[in-house]
Amino acid sequence: MRRATNPTRKISITIPNSLFQQLNHHLSYDQSRSGYISSAIAEKMQKDDTVGLDQWTKLDLVEELVYRVVKDSPEDVLLQSLLQILSK
């Protein structure tokens, strides 16, 4: 028998009945409440770990965008120009 690389763990949580009913209505018959809740927790934790844009400088933002656009595209040319202005 194979062991799971990321085994699950049973926990008990308490949520308001109205939220439980909403969750049951939201999910289809073949969807897992555990899977849905696990995904929601992971998404929330990832958002909490993400740095807000208000913590980035203009230069940081432009540098990040430079890495996300196609080289020599119109966007790249614009970003390179902005990079030169902000680097002064």
N, C-alpha and C. Protein backbone atom coordinates (compact mmCIF):
# COMPACT_ATOMS: atom_id res chain seq x y z
N MET A 1 0.84 -1.18 0.00
CA MET A 1 0.00 0.00 0.00
C MET A 1 0.89 1.25 0.00
N ARG A 2 0.54 2.21 -0.81
CA ARG A 2 1.28 3.46 -0.90
C ARG A 2 0.83 4.46 0.14
N ARG A 3 1.77 5.22 0.63
CA ARG A 3 1.42 6.29 1.56
C ARG A 3 1.23 7.58 0.79
N ALA A 4 0.33 8.42 1.24
CA ALA A 4 0.09 9.71 0.60
C ALA A 4 1.26 10.63 0.88
N THR A 5 1.63 11.44 -0.13
CA THR A 5 2.74 12.38 0.07
C THR A 5 2.32 13.52 0.99
N ASN A 6 1.04 13.82 1.02
CA ASN A 6 0.53 14.86 1.90
C ASN A 6 -0.75 14.32 2.55
N PRO A 7 -0.59 13.50 3.60
CA PRO A 7 -1.76 12.86 4.20
C PRO A 7 -2.72 13.88 4.80
N THR A 8 -3.97 13.49 4.86
CA THR A 8 -4.98 14.38 5.43
C THR A 8 -5.08 14.16 6.94
N ARG A 9 -5.67 15.13 7.60
CA ARG A 9 -5.87 15.03 9.04
C ARG A 9 -7.29 15.46 9.35
N LYS A 10 -7.95 14.68 10.15
CA LYS A 10 -9.32 14.98 10.55
C LYS A 10 -9.32 16.05 11.63
N ILE A 11 -10.15 17.07 11.43
CA ILE A 11 -10.31 18.11 12.45
C ILE A 11 -11.79 18.35 12.67
N SER A 12 -12.11 19.04 13.71
CA SER A 12 -13.49 19.41 13.98
C SER A 12 -13.56 20.92 14.07
N ILE A 13 -14.52 21.51 13.35
CA ILE A 13 -14.70 22.95 13.40
C ILE A 13 -16.17 23.25 13.70
N THR A 14 -16.42 24.44 14.16
CA THR A 14 -17.78 24.87 14.42
C THR A 14 -18.06 26.10 13.58
N ILE A 15 -19.13 26.04 12.79
CA ILE A 15 -19.54 27.18 11.98
C ILE A 15 -21.03 27.41 12.20
N PRO A 16 -21.50 28.62 11.94
CA PRO A 16 -22.94 28.88 12.09
C PRO A 16 -23.76 27.98 11.15
N ASN A 17 -24.91 27.56 11.60
CA ASN A 17 -25.78 26.69 10.82
C ASN A 17 -26.11 27.31 9.46
N SER A 18 -26.34 28.62 9.43
CA SER A 18 -26.68 29.27 8.16
C SER A 18 -25.54 29.16 7.15
N LEU A 19 -24.29 29.27 7.64
CA LEU A 19 -23.14 29.13 6.75
C LEU A 19 -23.02 27.69 6.25
N PHE A 20 -23.28 26.75 7.13
CA PHE A 20 -23.26 25.34 6.75
C PHE A 20 -24.30 25.06 5.67
N GLN A 21 -25.49 25.62 5.84
CA GLN A 21 -26.54 25.42 4.84
C GLN A 21 -26.16 26.06 3.51
N GLN A 22 -25.57 27.26 3.56
CA GLN A 22 -25.12 27.91 2.32
C GLN A 22 -24.07 27.07 1.61
N LEU A 23 -23.15 26.51 2.37
CA LEU A 23 -22.10 25.67 1.80
C LEU A 23 -22.72 24.45 1.13
N ASN A 24 -23.65 23.80 1.79
CA ASN A 24 -24.30 22.62 1.22
C ASN A 24 -25.05 22.95 -0.06
N HIS A 25 -25.70 24.11 -0.11
CA HIS A 25 -26.42 24.52 -1.31
C HIS A 25 -25.45 24.91 -2.43
N HIS A 26 -24.30 25.42 -2.06
CA HIS A 26 -23.30 25.88 -3.04
C HIS A 26 -22.63 24.70 -3.75
N LEU A 27 -22.38 23.64 -3.02
CA LEU A 27 -21.67 22.49 -3.58
C LEU A 27 -22.63 21.55 -4.30
N SER A 28 -22.14 20.94 -5.38
CA SER A 28 -22.93 19.91 -6.03
C SER A 28 -22.81 18.61 -5.23
N TYR A 29 -23.62 17.64 -5.58
CA TYR A 29 -23.68 16.38 -4.82
C TYR A 29 -22.33 15.68 -4.76
N ASP A 30 -21.56 15.77 -5.84
CA ASP A 30 -20.30 15.03 -5.89
C ASP A 30 -19.09 15.84 -5.42
N GLN A 31 -19.30 17.08 -4.95
CA GLN A 31 -18.18 17.88 -4.44
C GLN A 31 -17.97 17.62 -2.95
N SER A 32 -16.72 17.71 -2.54
CA SER A 32 -16.34 17.45 -1.16
C SER A 32 -16.32 18.73 -0.34
N ARG A 33 -17.02 18.72 0.79
CA ARG A 33 -16.93 19.88 1.71
C ARG A 33 -15.51 20.06 2.19
N SER A 34 -14.85 18.96 2.54
CA SER A 34 -13.47 19.03 3.03
C SER A 34 -12.55 19.64 1.98
N GLY A 35 -12.70 19.19 0.74
CA GLY A 35 -11.88 19.74 -0.33
C GLY A 35 -12.12 21.22 -0.55
N TYR A 36 -13.40 21.62 -0.50
CA TYR A 36 -13.76 23.02 -0.70
C TYR A 36 -13.19 23.89 0.43
N ILE A 37 -13.35 23.43 1.66
CA ILE A 37 -12.85 24.19 2.81
C ILE A 37 -11.33 24.24 2.80
N SER A 38 -10.67 23.14 2.45
CA SER A 38 -9.20 23.13 2.36
C SER A 38 -8.71 24.14 1.33
N SER A 39 -9.36 24.18 0.17
CA SER A 39 -8.99 25.13 -0.87
C SER A 39 -9.21 26.57 -0.41
N ALA A 40 -10.31 26.81 0.29
CA ALA A 40 -10.61 28.15 0.78
C ALA A 40 -9.56 28.61 1.80
N ILE A 41 -9.16 27.71 2.66
CA ILE A 41 -8.13 28.04 3.67
C ILE A 41 -6.81 28.35 2.99
N ALA A 42 -6.41 27.51 2.02
CA ALA A 42 -5.15 27.72 1.31
C ALA A 42 -5.16 29.05 0.56
N GLU A 43 -6.29 29.37 -0.09
CA GLU A 43 -6.40 30.63 -0.83
C GLU A 43 -6.31 31.83 0.12
N LYS A 44 -6.98 31.75 1.25
CA LYS A 44 -6.95 32.84 2.24
C LYS A 44 -5.54 33.04 2.78
N MET A 45 -4.85 31.94 3.06
CA MET A 45 -3.49 32.04 3.59
C MET A 45 -2.54 32.62 2.55
N GLN A 46 -2.74 32.26 1.29
CA GLN A 46 -1.89 32.80 0.22
C GLN A 46 -2.12 34.30 0.07
N LYS A 47 -3.38 34.73 0.15
CA LYS A 47 -3.68 36.17 0.06
C LYS A 47 -3.07 36.92 1.24
N ASP A 48 -3.11 36.32 2.42
CA ASP A 48 -2.54 36.96 3.60
C ASP A 48 -1.03 37.13 3.48
N ASP A 49 -0.38 36.19 2.77
CA ASP A 49 1.07 36.25 2.60
C ASP A 49 1.50 37.19 1.49
N THR A 50 0.56 37.59 0.63
CA THR A 50 0.88 38.45 -0.50
C THR A 50 1.08 39.88 -0.01
N VAL A 51 2.14 40.50 -0.48
CA VAL A 51 2.42 41.89 -0.12
C VAL A 51 1.48 42.79 -0.90
N GLY A 52 0.89 43.74 -0.23
CA GLY A 52 -0.02 44.68 -0.88
C GLY A 52 0.72 45.63 -1.80
N LEU A 53 0.03 46.08 -2.84
CA LEU A 53 0.64 47.00 -3.80
C LEU A 53 1.09 48.30 -3.13
N ASP A 54 0.43 48.68 -2.06
CA ASP A 54 0.82 49.91 -1.39
C ASP A 54 2.20 49.82 -0.75
N GLN A 55 2.75 48.61 -0.67
CA GLN A 55 4.08 48.43 -0.09
C GLN A 55 5.17 48.40 -1.17
N TRP A 56 4.78 48.50 -2.44
CA TRP A 56 5.73 48.48 -3.55
C TRP A 56 6.04 49.92 -3.96
N THR A 57 7.29 50.18 -4.34
CA THR A 57 7.63 51.47 -4.92
C THR A 57 7.26 51.44 -6.39
N LYS A 58 7.20 52.60 -7.01
CA LYS A 58 6.91 52.65 -8.44
C LYS A 58 7.97 51.89 -9.23
N LEU A 59 9.21 52.02 -8.81
CA LEU A 59 10.30 51.32 -9.48
C LEU A 59 10.12 49.81 -9.35
N ASP A 60 9.76 49.33 -8.16
CA ASP A 60 9.52 47.89 -7.95
C ASP A 60 8.42 47.38 -8.89
N LEU A 61 7.34 48.15 -9.00
CA LEU A 61 6.22 47.74 -9.85
C LEU A 61 6.63 47.64 -11.31
N VAL A 62 7.35 48.65 -11.80
CA VAL A 62 7.78 48.65 -13.19
C VAL A 62 8.75 47.50 -13.44
N GLU A 63 9.67 47.28 -12.52
CA GLU A 63 10.62 46.17 -12.68
C GLU A 63 9.89 44.83 -12.73
N GLU A 64 8.88 44.65 -11.90
CA GLU A 64 8.11 43.41 -11.92
C GLU A 64 7.38 43.24 -13.25
N LEU A 65 6.81 44.32 -13.74
CA LEU A 65 6.10 44.25 -15.02
C LEU A 65 7.03 43.95 -16.18
N VAL A 66 8.26 44.44 -16.11
CA VAL A 66 9.23 44.18 -17.18
C VAL A 66 9.43 42.68 -17.36
N TYR A 67 9.45 41.94 -16.27
CA TYR A 67 9.65 40.49 -16.34
C TYR A 67 8.42 39.75 -16.84
N ARG A 68 7.27 40.43 -16.88
CA ARG A 68 6.03 39.75 -17.25
C ARG A 68 5.60 40.00 -18.69
N VAL A 69 6.25 40.91 -19.40
CA VAL A 69 5.84 41.22 -20.77
C VAL A 69 6.81 40.61 -21.77
N VAL A 70 6.35 40.50 -22.99
CA VAL A 70 7.17 39.94 -24.06
C VAL A 70 8.24 40.96 -24.44
N LYS A 71 9.48 40.48 -24.54
CA LYS A 71 10.60 41.35 -24.87
C LYS A 71 10.37 42.00 -26.24
N ASP A 72 10.70 43.28 -26.33
CA ASP A 72 10.58 44.09 -27.54
C ASP A 72 9.14 44.33 -27.99
N SER A 73 8.19 44.04 -27.13
CA SER A 73 6.79 44.36 -27.45
C SER A 73 6.57 45.84 -27.14
N PRO A 74 5.47 46.42 -27.62
CA PRO A 74 5.18 47.83 -27.29
C PRO A 74 5.15 48.08 -25.78
N GLU A 75 4.62 47.10 -25.04
CA GLU A 75 4.58 47.25 -23.58
C GLU A 75 5.98 47.29 -23.00
N ASP A 76 6.87 46.43 -23.54
CA ASP A 76 8.25 46.38 -23.06
C ASP A 76 8.96 47.70 -23.31
N VAL A 77 8.75 48.27 -24.48
CA VAL A 77 9.38 49.56 -24.81
C VAL A 77 8.91 50.63 -23.83
N LEU A 78 7.61 50.65 -23.56
CA LEU A 78 7.06 51.62 -22.61
C LEU A 78 7.63 51.41 -21.22
N LEU A 79 7.68 50.17 -20.78
CA LEU A 79 8.20 49.87 -19.44
C LEU A 79 9.68 50.19 -19.33
N GLN A 80 10.44 49.93 -20.36
CA GLN A 80 11.87 50.27 -20.34
C GLN A 80 12.06 51.78 -20.21
N SER A 81 11.20 52.54 -20.90
CA SER A 81 11.26 54.01 -20.79
C SER A 81 10.93 54.45 -19.36
N LEU A 82 9.88 53.87 -18.79
CA LEU A 82 9.51 54.20 -17.41
C LEU A 82 10.61 53.82 -16.44
N LEU A 83 11.26 52.70 -16.69
CA LEU A 83 12.34 52.23 -15.84
C LEU A 83 13.49 53.22 -15.84
N GLN A 84 13.81 53.75 -17.01
CA GLN A 84 14.89 54.75 -17.10
C GLN A 84 14.55 56.02 -16.35
N ILE A 85 13.30 56.45 -16.46
CA ILE A 85 12.86 57.67 -15.77
C ILE A 85 12.89 57.47 -14.26
N LEU A 86 12.39 56.34 -13.79
CA LEU A 86 12.32 56.09 -12.35
C LEU A 86 13.67 55.78 -11.73
N SER A 87 14.61 55.32 -12.53
CA SER A 87 15.93 54.97 -12.01
C SER A 87 16.82 56.20 -11.79
N LYS A 88 16.42 57.32 -12.32
CA LYS A 88 17.25 58.54 -12.20
C LYS A 88 17.19 59.11 -10.81
